[in-house]
């Protein structure tokens, strides 16, 4: 019974699952086309930013609606707005106006610059991919090191020496 009581709230919030979700997404896409990052970032009254997720080595956009709901996936925004479209003429007119403004204001170059800036800041802090942390650094490159099994070149790389001093084997 608790699930049934929560269901109307979920539909009102644009958080629906299964067939209703697809219907809401399709209602949005049929009228406006698929939503992209620059257009979502330009929705009037919405805020957005990028977060760098070092565990996947990607910048992930985060969008916040005027009523404080947070979205990470474009399809979730399409579902939210699609539910508003289905609320009636007032909801549909509001969404149509929002999308029209967003299409005019969308700036793909600015969106990409912001994404690159966040990624570059994360890299400057030393964030690295796990494969880089656990792979053996070599002076000859990963593909050649993998092909030379007993090569001294792979183990004598300057990057493997601790703090700029020679390793004497006594540590």
N, C-alpha and C. Protein backbone atom coordinates (compact mmCIF):
# COMPACT_ATOMS: atom_id res chain seq x y z
N UNK A 1 0.82 -1.20 0.00
CA UNK A 1 0.00 0.00 0.00
C UNK A 1 0.86 1.26 0.00
N UNK A 2 2.05 1.20 0.65
CA UNK A 2 2.93 2.37 0.67
C UNK A 2 3.41 2.71 -0.74
N UNK A 3 3.66 1.69 -1.54
CA UNK A 3 4.10 1.94 -2.92
C UNK A 3 3.03 2.67 -3.71
N UNK A 4 1.77 2.27 -3.53
CA UNK A 4 0.68 2.92 -4.24
C UNK A 4 0.51 4.37 -3.80
N UNK A 5 0.72 4.65 -2.51
CA UNK A 5 0.60 6.01 -2.01
C UNK A 5 1.72 6.89 -2.57
N UNK A 6 2.88 6.33 -2.77
CA UNK A 6 4.02 7.11 -3.28
C UNK A 6 3.94 7.32 -4.79
N UNK A 7 3.25 6.44 -5.49
CA UNK A 7 3.21 6.49 -6.95
C UNK A 7 2.71 7.82 -7.52
N UNK A 8 1.62 8.41 -7.02
CA UNK A 8 1.19 9.70 -7.60
C UNK A 8 2.25 10.79 -7.45
N UNK A 9 2.98 10.78 -6.33
CA UNK A 9 4.04 11.77 -6.15
C UNK A 9 5.13 11.57 -7.19
N UNK A 10 5.45 10.32 -7.47
CA UNK A 10 6.50 10.05 -8.43
C UNK A 10 6.09 10.51 -9.82
N UNK A 11 4.85 10.32 -10.18
CA UNK A 11 4.38 10.75 -11.49
C UNK A 11 4.41 12.27 -11.58
N UNK A 12 3.97 12.96 -10.52
CA UNK A 12 3.98 14.41 -10.52
C UNK A 12 5.40 14.96 -10.63
N UNK A 13 6.35 14.27 -10.03
CA UNK A 13 7.73 14.73 -10.05
C UNK A 13 8.48 14.39 -11.32
N UNK A 14 7.83 13.71 -12.25
CA UNK A 14 8.50 13.35 -13.49
C UNK A 14 9.37 12.12 -13.33
N UNK A 15 9.29 11.47 -12.20
CA UNK A 15 10.08 10.25 -11.96
C UNK A 15 9.14 9.06 -12.11
N UNK A 16 9.04 8.57 -13.30
CA UNK A 16 8.19 7.42 -13.57
C UNK A 16 9.04 6.33 -14.19
N UNK A 17 8.55 5.13 -14.13
CA UNK A 17 9.33 4.00 -14.65
C UNK A 17 8.54 3.26 -15.73
N UNK A 18 9.25 2.42 -16.44
CA UNK A 18 8.63 1.53 -17.42
C UNK A 18 7.94 2.22 -18.56
N UNK A 19 6.74 1.75 -18.85
CA UNK A 19 5.99 2.23 -20.01
C UNK A 19 5.61 3.70 -19.89
N UNK A 20 5.24 4.13 -18.67
CA UNK A 20 4.86 5.54 -18.48
C UNK A 20 6.05 6.46 -18.72
N UNK A 21 7.22 6.00 -18.33
CA UNK A 21 8.43 6.78 -18.56
C UNK A 21 8.66 6.96 -20.06
N UNK A 22 8.57 5.86 -20.80
CA UNK A 22 8.77 5.91 -22.24
C UNK A 22 7.73 6.78 -22.93
N UNK A 23 6.49 6.74 -22.44
CA UNK A 23 5.44 7.59 -23.00
C UNK A 23 5.77 9.07 -22.80
N UNK A 24 6.24 9.40 -21.60
CA UNK A 24 6.58 10.80 -21.31
C UNK A 24 7.77 11.26 -22.16
N UNK A 25 8.77 10.41 -22.28
CA UNK A 25 9.95 10.74 -23.09
C UNK A 25 9.54 10.91 -24.55
N UNK A 26 8.73 10.00 -25.05
CA UNK A 26 8.28 10.08 -26.44
C UNK A 26 7.42 11.32 -26.69
N UNK A 27 6.59 11.69 -25.71
CA UNK A 27 5.77 12.90 -25.86
C UNK A 27 6.67 14.12 -26.01
N UNK A 28 7.74 14.18 -25.23
CA UNK A 28 8.67 15.30 -25.33
C UNK A 28 9.39 15.28 -26.68
N UNK A 29 9.93 14.12 -27.03
CA UNK A 29 10.73 14.02 -28.26
C UNK A 29 9.92 14.25 -29.52
N UNK A 30 8.67 13.79 -29.54
CA UNK A 30 7.82 14.00 -30.71
C UNK A 30 7.57 15.48 -30.96
N UNK A 31 7.48 16.22 -29.88
CA UNK A 31 7.17 17.64 -30.03
C UNK A 31 8.42 18.51 -30.22
N UNK A 32 9.52 18.15 -29.53
CA UNK A 32 10.70 19.03 -29.53
C UNK A 32 11.99 18.38 -30.03
N UNK A 33 12.00 17.10 -30.24
CA UNK A 33 13.24 16.40 -30.58
C UNK A 33 13.99 16.01 -29.32
N UNK A 34 15.09 15.31 -29.50
CA UNK A 34 15.88 14.85 -28.36
C UNK A 34 16.59 16.02 -27.69
N UNK A 35 16.68 15.96 -26.39
CA UNK A 35 17.37 16.98 -25.60
C UNK A 35 18.86 16.70 -25.60
N UNK A 36 19.66 17.74 -25.71
CA UNK A 36 21.11 17.57 -25.60
C UNK A 36 21.63 18.45 -24.47
N UNK A 37 22.92 18.35 -24.19
CA UNK A 37 23.51 19.09 -23.09
C UNK A 37 23.37 20.59 -23.16
N UNK A 38 23.77 21.20 -24.28
CA UNK A 38 23.65 22.65 -24.38
C UNK A 38 22.22 23.16 -24.22
N UNK A 39 21.26 22.41 -24.77
CA UNK A 39 19.87 22.83 -24.66
C UNK A 39 19.38 22.68 -23.21
N UNK A 40 19.76 21.59 -22.54
CA UNK A 40 19.36 21.39 -21.14
C UNK A 40 19.98 22.48 -20.27
N UNK A 41 21.22 22.87 -20.57
CA UNK A 41 21.90 23.91 -19.80
C UNK A 41 21.24 25.27 -19.99
N UNK A 42 20.55 25.46 -21.09
CA UNK A 42 19.93 26.75 -21.39
C UNK A 42 18.47 26.83 -20.95
N UNK A 43 17.94 25.79 -20.31
CA UNK A 43 16.56 25.85 -19.85
C UNK A 43 16.43 27.01 -18.85
N UNK A 44 15.47 27.91 -19.06
CA UNK A 44 15.37 29.09 -18.21
C UNK A 44 15.08 28.72 -16.75
N UNK A 45 15.88 29.32 -15.85
CA UNK A 45 15.71 29.10 -14.42
C UNK A 45 16.44 27.87 -13.89
N UNK A 46 16.93 27.04 -14.78
CA UNK A 46 17.65 25.83 -14.36
C UNK A 46 19.11 26.17 -14.16
N UNK A 47 19.76 25.45 -13.26
CA UNK A 47 21.19 25.61 -13.09
C UNK A 47 21.88 24.32 -13.50
N UNK A 48 23.15 24.44 -13.79
CA UNK A 48 23.89 23.25 -14.22
C UNK A 48 25.36 23.43 -13.90
N UNK A 49 26.03 22.31 -13.78
CA UNK A 49 27.48 22.30 -13.60
C UNK A 49 27.99 20.91 -13.98
N UNK A 50 29.30 20.81 -14.05
CA UNK A 50 29.93 19.53 -14.33
C UNK A 50 30.64 19.04 -13.09
N UNK A 51 30.62 17.74 -12.90
CA UNK A 51 31.40 17.09 -11.85
C UNK A 51 32.31 16.09 -12.52
N UNK A 52 33.57 16.07 -12.09
CA UNK A 52 34.49 15.08 -12.64
C UNK A 52 34.42 13.82 -11.78
N UNK A 53 34.12 12.71 -12.40
CA UNK A 53 34.05 11.41 -11.71
C UNK A 53 35.33 10.66 -12.04
N UNK A 54 36.27 10.65 -11.09
CA UNK A 54 37.57 10.04 -11.37
C UNK A 54 37.49 8.53 -11.55
N UNK A 55 36.49 7.88 -10.98
CA UNK A 55 36.39 6.43 -11.11
C UNK A 55 35.98 6.02 -12.52
N UNK A 56 35.44 6.94 -13.31
CA UNK A 56 35.14 6.64 -14.72
C UNK A 56 35.90 7.57 -15.65
N UNK A 57 36.67 8.49 -15.08
CA UNK A 57 37.49 9.41 -15.85
C UNK A 57 36.66 10.26 -16.83
N UNK A 58 35.52 10.77 -16.34
CA UNK A 58 34.64 11.57 -17.20
C UNK A 58 34.04 12.73 -16.42
N UNK A 59 33.70 13.76 -17.16
CA UNK A 59 32.92 14.84 -16.57
C UNK A 59 31.45 14.52 -16.79
N UNK A 60 30.68 14.68 -15.74
CA UNK A 60 29.27 14.33 -15.78
C UNK A 60 28.45 15.59 -15.49
N UNK A 61 27.52 15.92 -16.39
CA UNK A 61 26.70 17.11 -16.14
C UNK A 61 25.66 16.85 -15.06
N UNK A 62 25.34 17.90 -14.32
CA UNK A 62 24.29 17.85 -13.32
C UNK A 62 23.39 19.05 -13.56
N UNK A 63 22.10 18.80 -13.70
CA UNK A 63 21.14 19.86 -13.97
C UNK A 63 20.16 19.94 -12.80
N UNK A 64 19.81 21.15 -12.39
CA UNK A 64 18.87 21.34 -11.30
C UNK A 64 17.72 22.20 -11.81
N UNK A 65 16.51 21.67 -11.65
CA UNK A 65 15.32 22.38 -12.13
C UNK A 65 14.99 23.55 -11.22
N UNK A 66 14.02 24.35 -11.62
CA UNK A 66 13.63 25.52 -10.83
C UNK A 66 13.07 25.13 -9.47
N UNK A 67 12.54 23.92 -9.36
CA UNK A 67 12.00 23.49 -8.06
C UNK A 67 12.98 22.62 -7.27
N UNK A 68 14.25 22.58 -7.71
CA UNK A 68 15.29 21.92 -6.93
C UNK A 68 15.55 20.46 -7.24
N UNK A 69 14.87 19.90 -8.21
CA UNK A 69 15.13 18.50 -8.58
C UNK A 69 16.44 18.41 -9.35
N UNK A 70 17.21 17.36 -9.08
CA UNK A 70 18.51 17.18 -9.72
C UNK A 70 18.42 16.06 -10.74
N UNK A 71 19.04 16.30 -11.91
CA UNK A 71 19.04 15.32 -12.99
C UNK A 71 20.47 15.13 -13.49
N UNK A 72 20.82 13.89 -13.82
CA UNK A 72 22.14 13.57 -14.36
C UNK A 72 22.05 13.00 -15.77
N UNK A 73 20.84 12.63 -16.18
CA UNK A 73 20.63 11.97 -17.47
C UNK A 73 19.61 12.77 -18.28
N UNK A 74 19.93 13.02 -19.54
CA UNK A 74 19.04 13.81 -20.39
C UNK A 74 17.65 13.18 -20.50
N UNK A 75 17.62 11.88 -20.56
CA UNK A 75 16.34 11.19 -20.69
C UNK A 75 15.45 11.45 -19.47
N UNK A 76 16.06 11.60 -18.29
CA UNK A 76 15.28 11.93 -17.10
C UNK A 76 14.65 13.32 -17.22
N UNK A 77 15.39 14.26 -17.81
CA UNK A 77 14.85 15.61 -18.02
C UNK A 77 13.72 15.54 -19.03
N UNK A 78 13.91 14.77 -20.11
CA UNK A 78 12.85 14.60 -21.11
C UNK A 78 11.61 13.99 -20.47
N UNK A 79 11.80 13.04 -19.59
CA UNK A 79 10.66 12.42 -18.89
C UNK A 79 9.95 13.44 -18.02
N UNK A 80 10.73 14.21 -17.27
CA UNK A 80 10.17 15.24 -16.39
C UNK A 80 9.34 16.25 -17.20
N UNK A 81 9.92 16.74 -18.28
CA UNK A 81 9.22 17.73 -19.10
C UNK A 81 8.07 17.08 -19.87
N UNK A 82 8.23 15.81 -20.27
CA UNK A 82 7.15 15.08 -20.94
C UNK A 82 5.95 14.90 -20.03
N UNK A 83 6.21 14.66 -18.74
CA UNK A 83 5.10 14.57 -17.77
C UNK A 83 4.38 15.90 -17.64
N UNK A 84 5.15 16.98 -17.68
CA UNK A 84 4.55 18.32 -17.61
C UNK A 84 3.70 18.58 -18.86
N UNK A 85 4.17 18.10 -20.01
CA UNK A 85 3.39 18.26 -21.25
C UNK A 85 2.03 17.60 -21.13
N UNK A 86 2.01 16.45 -20.48
CA UNK A 86 0.79 15.67 -20.38
C UNK A 86 -0.16 16.17 -19.29
N UNK A 87 0.27 17.18 -18.51
CA UNK A 87 -0.57 17.71 -17.43
C UNK A 87 -1.72 18.55 -17.95
N UNK A 88 -1.62 19.00 -19.15
CA UNK A 88 -2.69 19.84 -19.70
C UNK A 88 -2.10 21.02 -20.45
N UNK A 89 -2.98 21.92 -20.88
CA UNK A 89 -2.56 23.04 -21.71
C UNK A 89 -1.57 23.96 -21.01
N UNK A 90 -1.80 24.23 -19.72
CA UNK A 90 -0.91 25.13 -18.99
C UNK A 90 0.50 24.55 -18.90
N UNK A 91 0.61 23.29 -18.54
CA UNK A 91 1.91 22.63 -18.46
C UNK A 91 2.59 22.56 -19.81
N UNK A 92 1.81 22.25 -20.84
CA UNK A 92 2.36 22.14 -22.19
C UNK A 92 2.86 23.49 -22.69
N UNK A 93 2.12 24.56 -22.40
CA UNK A 93 2.54 25.90 -22.84
C UNK A 93 3.82 26.31 -22.13
N UNK A 94 3.93 25.99 -20.85
CA UNK A 94 5.12 26.34 -20.08
C UNK A 94 6.35 25.60 -20.62
N UNK A 95 6.20 24.32 -20.88
CA UNK A 95 7.32 23.52 -21.42
C UNK A 95 7.69 24.03 -22.81
N UNK A 96 6.72 24.33 -23.65
CA UNK A 96 7.00 24.83 -25.00
C UNK A 96 7.79 26.13 -24.94
N UNK A 97 7.42 27.02 -24.01
CA UNK A 97 8.14 28.28 -23.87
C UNK A 97 9.58 28.04 -23.38
N UNK A 98 9.73 27.15 -22.40
CA UNK A 98 11.06 26.84 -21.88
C UNK A 98 11.97 26.29 -22.97
N UNK A 99 11.45 25.37 -23.76
CA UNK A 99 12.25 24.74 -24.81
C UNK A 99 12.58 25.74 -25.91
N UNK A 100 11.64 26.60 -26.25
CA UNK A 100 11.91 27.62 -27.28
C UNK A 100 13.05 28.54 -26.84
N UNK A 101 13.02 28.98 -25.59
CA UNK A 101 14.09 29.84 -25.06
C UNK A 101 15.41 29.07 -25.04
N UNK A 102 15.35 27.82 -24.59
CA UNK A 102 16.57 27.00 -24.51
C UNK A 102 17.20 26.77 -25.88
N UNK A 103 16.38 26.55 -26.90
CA UNK A 103 16.91 26.34 -28.25
C UNK A 103 17.62 27.59 -28.76
N UNK A 104 17.08 28.76 -28.42
CA UNK A 104 17.71 30.01 -28.85
C UNK A 104 19.00 30.29 -28.10
N UNK A 105 19.02 29.99 -26.81
CA UNK A 105 20.16 30.32 -25.97
C UNK A 105 21.24 29.23 -25.93
N UNK A 106 20.95 28.04 -26.42
CA UNK A 106 21.90 26.93 -26.34
C UNK A 106 23.22 27.29 -27.01
N UNK A 107 24.31 27.06 -26.32
CA UNK A 107 25.64 27.38 -26.83
C UNK A 107 26.55 26.15 -26.68
N UNK A 108 26.61 25.30 -27.70
CA UNK A 108 27.42 24.09 -27.61
C UNK A 108 28.89 24.36 -27.31
N UNK A 109 29.44 25.43 -27.85
CA UNK A 109 30.85 25.73 -27.62
C UNK A 109 31.10 26.07 -26.15
N UNK A 110 30.23 26.86 -25.55
CA UNK A 110 30.37 27.21 -24.13
C UNK A 110 30.21 25.97 -23.26
N UNK A 111 29.25 25.12 -23.59
CA UNK A 111 29.02 23.89 -22.84
C UNK A 111 30.28 23.02 -22.87
N UNK A 112 30.88 22.90 -24.03
CA UNK A 112 32.10 22.10 -24.18
C UNK A 112 33.28 22.72 -23.42
N UNK A 113 33.39 24.07 -23.47
CA UNK A 113 34.47 24.75 -22.74
C UNK A 113 34.36 24.48 -21.24
N UNK A 114 33.15 24.56 -20.72
CA UNK A 114 32.94 24.30 -19.29
C UNK A 114 33.30 22.87 -18.94
N UNK A 115 32.92 21.94 -19.80
CA UNK A 115 33.25 20.53 -19.58
C UNK A 115 34.76 20.33 -19.59
N UNK A 116 35.44 20.92 -20.56
CA UNK A 116 36.90 20.80 -20.65
C UNK A 116 37.59 21.44 -19.45
N UNK A 117 37.07 22.56 -18.99
CA UNK A 117 37.66 23.26 -17.85
C UNK A 117 37.61 22.40 -16.58
N UNK A 118 36.47 21.79 -16.33
CA UNK A 118 36.33 20.93 -15.15
C UNK A 118 37.25 19.73 -15.26
N UNK A 119 37.32 19.13 -16.44
CA UNK A 119 38.20 17.98 -16.63
C UNK A 119 39.66 18.38 -16.44
N UNK A 120 40.06 19.51 -17.00
CA UNK A 120 41.44 19.97 -16.88
C UNK A 120 41.81 20.29 -15.43
N UNK A 121 40.88 20.88 -14.69
CA UNK A 121 41.14 21.15 -13.26
C UNK A 121 41.33 19.84 -12.49
N UNK A 122 40.52 18.85 -12.81
CA UNK A 122 40.66 17.55 -12.13
C UNK A 122 41.99 16.91 -12.46
N UNK A 123 42.40 16.97 -13.72
CA UNK A 123 43.69 16.41 -14.12
C UNK A 123 44.84 17.16 -13.45
N UNK A 124 44.69 18.47 -13.29
CA UNK A 124 45.75 19.27 -12.65
C UNK A 124 45.92 18.89 -11.19
N UNK A 125 44.86 18.42 -10.56
CA UNK A 125 44.95 17.98 -9.17
C UNK A 125 45.59 16.60 -9.05
N UNK A 126 45.83 15.95 -10.16
CA UNK A 126 46.47 14.65 -10.13
C UNK A 126 45.52 13.48 -10.21
N UNK A 127 44.29 13.72 -10.54
CA UNK A 127 43.34 12.63 -10.67
C UNK A 127 43.74 11.78 -11.87
N UNK A 128 43.82 10.48 -11.65
CA UNK A 128 44.20 9.58 -12.73
C UNK A 128 43.26 8.40 -12.80
N UNK A 129 43.25 7.75 -13.92
CA UNK A 129 42.45 6.56 -14.13
C UNK A 129 43.10 5.41 -13.38
N UNK A 130 42.29 4.49 -12.87
CA UNK A 130 42.83 3.36 -12.13
C UNK A 130 43.83 2.54 -12.94
N UNK A 131 43.60 2.40 -14.23
CA UNK A 131 44.53 1.63 -15.05
C UNK A 131 45.90 2.28 -15.07
N UNK A 132 45.95 3.61 -14.99
CA UNK A 132 47.24 4.29 -14.93
C UNK A 132 47.93 4.04 -13.60
N UNK A 133 47.16 3.96 -12.53
CA UNK A 133 47.74 3.74 -11.21
C UNK A 133 48.36 2.35 -11.08
N UNK A 134 47.76 1.37 -11.73
CA UNK A 134 48.23 0.01 -11.58
C UNK A 134 49.03 -0.54 -12.76
N UNK A 135 49.17 0.25 -13.81
CA UNK A 135 49.97 -0.21 -14.93
C UNK A 135 51.42 0.19 -14.69
N UNK A 136 52.32 -0.55 -15.28
CA UNK A 136 53.74 -0.31 -15.09
C UNK A 136 54.20 0.80 -16.02
N UNK A 137 54.67 1.92 -15.47
CA UNK A 137 55.15 2.99 -16.34
C UNK A 137 56.47 2.60 -17.00
N UNK A 138 56.58 2.92 -18.27
CA UNK A 138 57.80 2.59 -18.99
C UNK A 138 58.23 3.75 -19.86
N UNK A 139 59.51 3.75 -20.18
CA UNK A 139 60.04 4.79 -21.05
C UNK A 139 59.77 4.47 -22.51
N UNK A 140 59.48 3.19 -22.80
CA UNK A 140 59.29 2.79 -24.20
C UNK A 140 57.83 2.74 -24.60
N UNK A 141 56.91 2.97 -23.67
CA UNK A 141 55.49 2.96 -24.00
C UNK A 141 54.86 1.62 -23.71
N UNK A 142 53.57 1.59 -23.44
CA UNK A 142 52.90 0.38 -23.02
C UNK A 142 52.87 -0.72 -24.07
N UNK A 143 52.72 -0.38 -25.34
CA UNK A 143 52.61 -1.44 -26.34
C UNK A 143 53.94 -2.16 -26.54
N UNK A 144 55.06 -1.44 -26.54
CA UNK A 144 56.35 -2.08 -26.71
C UNK A 144 56.76 -2.84 -25.45
N UNK A 145 56.40 -2.32 -24.27
CA UNK A 145 56.76 -2.98 -23.02
C UNK A 145 56.04 -4.32 -22.91
N UNK A 146 54.81 -4.39 -23.39
CA UNK A 146 54.06 -5.64 -23.33
C UNK A 146 54.68 -6.68 -24.24
N UNK A 147 55.31 -6.26 -25.34
CA UNK A 147 55.90 -7.19 -26.29
C UNK A 147 57.31 -7.64 -25.89
N UNK A 148 57.95 -6.92 -25.00
CA UNK A 148 59.30 -7.30 -24.58
C UNK A 148 59.25 -7.82 -23.15
N UNK A 149 59.11 -9.15 -23.03
CA UNK A 149 58.87 -9.76 -21.73
C UNK A 149 59.99 -9.55 -20.74
N UNK A 150 61.22 -9.82 -21.08
CA UNK A 150 62.33 -9.73 -20.15
C UNK A 150 63.21 -8.52 -20.44
N UNK A 151 62.63 -7.49 -20.91
CA UNK A 151 63.40 -6.31 -21.29
C UNK A 151 63.79 -5.50 -20.07
N UNK A 152 65.07 -5.12 -20.00
CA UNK A 152 65.53 -4.27 -18.91
C UNK A 152 65.04 -2.84 -19.08
N UNK A 153 64.67 -2.47 -20.31
CA UNK A 153 64.19 -1.12 -20.56
C UNK A 153 62.92 -0.83 -19.77
N UNK A 154 62.05 -1.81 -19.64
CA UNK A 154 60.78 -1.61 -18.95
C UNK A 154 60.99 -1.41 -17.45
N UNK A 155 62.02 -1.99 -16.87
CA UNK A 155 62.22 -1.86 -15.43
C UNK A 155 63.21 -0.78 -15.05
N UNK A 156 63.94 -0.25 -16.00
CA UNK A 156 64.91 0.78 -15.66
C UNK A 156 64.44 2.18 -16.04
N UNK A 157 63.17 2.35 -16.19
CA UNK A 157 62.63 3.65 -16.55
C UNK A 157 62.92 4.66 -15.44
N UNK A 158 63.29 5.88 -15.79
CA UNK A 158 63.56 6.90 -14.78
C UNK A 158 62.34 7.17 -13.89
N UNK A 159 61.13 6.94 -14.40
CA UNK A 159 59.95 7.22 -13.60
C UNK A 159 59.79 6.23 -12.45
N UNK A 160 60.53 5.11 -12.47
CA UNK A 160 60.43 4.13 -11.40
C UNK A 160 61.42 4.40 -10.27
N UNK A 161 62.32 5.32 -10.45
CA UNK A 161 63.28 5.64 -9.40
C UNK A 161 62.63 6.53 -8.35
N UNK A 162 62.80 6.22 -7.05
CA UNK A 162 62.17 7.03 -6.02
C UNK A 162 62.84 8.39 -5.88
N UNK A 163 62.09 9.43 -5.82
CA UNK A 163 62.47 10.82 -5.57
C UNK A 163 63.78 11.29 -6.17
N UNK A 164 64.06 10.92 -7.37
CA UNK A 164 65.21 11.45 -8.07
C UNK A 164 66.55 10.88 -7.62
N UNK A 165 66.58 9.94 -6.73
CA UNK A 165 67.85 9.34 -6.32
C UNK A 165 67.89 7.90 -6.79
N UNK A 166 69.07 7.39 -6.93
CA UNK A 166 69.22 6.01 -7.40
C UNK A 166 68.82 5.03 -6.30
N UNK A 167 68.20 3.97 -6.69
CA UNK A 167 67.83 2.90 -5.76
C UNK A 167 69.03 2.00 -5.56
N UNK A 168 69.47 1.86 -4.29
CA UNK A 168 70.67 1.07 -4.02
C UNK A 168 70.35 -0.34 -3.54
N UNK A 169 69.08 -0.70 -3.44
CA UNK A 169 68.71 -2.05 -3.06
C UNK A 169 68.68 -2.27 -1.56
N UNK A 170 69.08 -1.31 -0.73
CA UNK A 170 69.13 -1.50 0.72
C UNK A 170 67.86 -0.97 1.42
N UNK A 171 66.97 -0.36 0.71
CA UNK A 171 65.79 0.21 1.35
C UNK A 171 64.71 -0.81 1.56
